[in-house]
Structure formats: C-alpha cells, structure tokens
C-alpha cells in the first residue's frame, strides 16, 4: 500500500496540485468535518464514475486504526486505478497538527 505523509499532503494542498482527496467515511461524518478540498462518495461505485484512472487519488478516514481508507484504497486499485495513496493518519493526525478543517462540526474562533 502506497502511503502519503501529512506534510506531503499539506504541501500538495498548499500548492493547489491537481489531486483528488477522497474522504472514505459516511456522509454525516463528511458533513461534520473533513480536510478542505475533499470529495465524498455515497458508494464506492460512485467513485468509479467520478474519478479518472489517471487521477492522483489520496484516500483518508478518521485515524490510523480506521479501516475505511484501506478498503477504499484496495477497491480503487482493484478497479484499475494506479495512482492511489492512503493518508493513514486521517482526520486525527491532520487536526492534531492544527491544519484547517471544513464542515458543520468545525468551530471557528475569532478575536474581537
């Protein structure tokens, strides 16, 4: 399984590289909190229609112990996608680093 580090993912997002960042958990979890720029698919079959086999795809879920991104990774590889990596640290590692998040469950702090 090909992995991507938190730092490399952050760099790709900061540079606005053309990647497909796929959130591999349920839609309610996606609505609550996700990495900016992420996409979500109700079913993995939907990803087959929306993604191109040449896309650079990065899948992630909640944390290193969460199997959802592993399943999504294997599913995409099994359907001929070649450029897929897993961000194993997921939301937990991203949030622990203080990196930005989007969603209904994200609290925005303002001064003043």
Protein backbone atom coordinates (compact mmCIF):
# COMPACT_ATOMS: atom_id res chain seq x y z
CA UNK A 1 0.00 0.00 0.00
CA UNK A 2 1.37 3.38 -1.00
CA UNK A 3 1.14 6.00 1.74
CA UNK A 4 1.43 9.77 1.87
CA UNK A 5 2.61 11.73 4.89
CA UNK A 6 0.71 14.57 6.49
CA UNK A 7 3.44 17.01 5.44
CA UNK A 8 3.42 15.90 1.80
CA UNK A 9 -0.38 16.10 1.66
CA UNK A 10 -0.34 19.59 3.20
CA UNK A 11 2.27 20.69 0.66
CA UNK A 12 0.19 19.37 -2.25
CA UNK A 13 -2.90 21.18 -0.97
CA UNK A 14 -0.98 24.41 -0.34
CA UNK A 15 0.36 24.27 -3.92
CA UNK A 16 -3.17 23.55 -5.21
CA UNK A 17 -1.92 20.46 -7.01
CA UNK A 18 -4.48 18.56 -9.04
CA UNK A 19 -5.27 15.73 -6.62
CA UNK A 20 -8.49 14.00 -5.72
CA UNK A 21 -8.70 13.85 -1.93
CA UNK A 22 -11.34 11.25 -1.05
CA UNK A 23 -12.95 11.11 2.39
CA UNK A 24 -13.79 7.45 2.96
CA UNK A 25 -16.30 7.66 5.82
CA UNK A 26 -20.07 8.22 5.90
CA UNK A 27 -21.71 11.35 4.55
CA UNK A 28 -22.71 12.59 8.02
CA UNK A 29 -19.07 12.38 9.08
CA UNK A 30 -18.03 14.23 5.92
CA UNK A 31 -20.56 16.98 6.66
CA UNK A 32 -19.27 17.27 10.22
CA UNK A 33 -15.57 17.55 9.48
CA UNK A 34 -13.17 16.99 6.57
CA UNK A 35 -9.96 18.30 5.07
CA UNK A 36 -10.66 21.24 2.73
CA UNK A 37 -10.85 20.17 -0.90
CA UNK A 38 -12.07 16.68 -0.07
CA UNK A 39 -14.74 14.87 -2.01
CA UNK A 40 -17.11 12.22 -0.71
CA UNK A 41 -18.94 9.43 -2.48
CA UNK A 42 -22.07 7.82 -1.09
CA UNK A 43 -20.96 4.47 -2.53
CA UNK A 44 -17.57 3.35 -3.79
CA UNK A 45 -19.20 2.58 -7.15
CA UNK A 46 -19.89 6.32 -7.47
CA UNK A 47 -16.15 6.97 -7.25
CA UNK A 48 -15.58 4.78 -10.30
CA UNK A 49 -17.80 7.10 -12.33
CA UNK A 50 -16.43 10.39 -10.94
CA UNK A 51 -12.71 9.67 -10.87
CA UNK A 52 -10.39 9.13 -13.79
CA UNK A 53 -7.98 6.20 -13.69
CA UNK A 54 -5.12 8.65 -14.32
CA UNK A 55 -6.06 10.93 -11.38
CA UNK A 56 -3.75 11.26 -8.41
CA UNK A 57 -6.06 10.00 -5.66
CA UNK A 58 -5.47 10.20 -1.93
CA UNK A 59 -7.90 8.42 0.39
CA UNK A 60 -8.25 9.04 4.11
CA UNK A 61 -10.61 8.44 7.01
CA UNK A 62 -10.58 9.03 10.77
CA UNK A 63 -7.24 7.76 12.11
CA UNK A 64 -4.56 5.09 11.59
CA UNK A 65 -6.75 2.34 13.08
CA UNK A 66 -9.76 3.12 10.88
CA UNK A 67 -10.14 0.58 8.04
CA UNK A 68 -12.33 2.70 5.72
CA UNK A 69 -9.45 4.25 3.78
CA UNK A 70 -7.78 0.84 3.45
CA UNK A 71 -10.97 -0.57 1.93
CA UNK A 72 -11.34 2.42 -0.42
CA UNK A 73 -7.68 2.13 -1.45
CA UNK A 74 -7.99 -1.57 -2.23
CA UNK A 75 -11.27 -1.04 -4.07
CA UNK A 76 -9.80 1.62 -6.35
CA UNK A 77 -6.61 -0.36 -7.01
CA UNK A 78 -8.74 -3.42 -7.74
CA UNK A 79 -10.64 -1.43 -10.36
CA UNK A 80 -7.54 -0.35 -12.26
CA UNK A 81 -6.66 2.94 -10.59
CA UNK A 82 -2.88 3.16 -10.50
CA UNK A 83 -2.05 6.43 -8.73
CA UNK A 84 -3.70 5.91 -5.33
CA UNK A 85 -2.21 6.60 -1.92
CA UNK A 86 -3.54 6.45 1.62
CA UNK A 87 -3.16 9.20 4.20
CA UNK A 88 -3.15 6.79 7.14
CA UNK A 89 -3.17 9.45 9.88
CA UNK A 90 -6.53 10.73 8.67
CA UNK A 91 -8.55 13.45 10.35
CA UNK A 92 -6.96 12.83 13.73
CA UNK A 93 -3.40 13.47 12.58
CA UNK A 94 -4.48 16.42 10.42
CA UNK A 95 -6.39 18.06 13.26
CA UNK A 96 -3.63 17.34 15.81
CA UNK A 97 -1.25 19.33 13.58
CA UNK A 98 -3.61 22.31 13.71
CA UNK A 99 -4.26 22.20 9.98
CA UNK A 100 -7.53 23.63 8.62
CA UNK A 101 -10.77 21.66 8.51
CA UNK A 102 -14.19 22.29 6.99
CA UNK A 103 -17.64 21.14 7.98
CA UNK A 104 -20.62 21.77 10.20
CA UNK A 105 -18.80 20.46 13.27
CA UNK A 106 -15.75 22.71 12.91
CA UNK A 107 -15.64 25.53 15.43
CA UNK A 108 -14.28 28.81 14.14
CA UNK A 109 -12.56 31.00 16.69
CA UNK A 110 -12.45 34.72 16.17
CA UNK A 111 -10.97 37.52 18.24
CA UNK A 112 -12.66 40.80 18.89
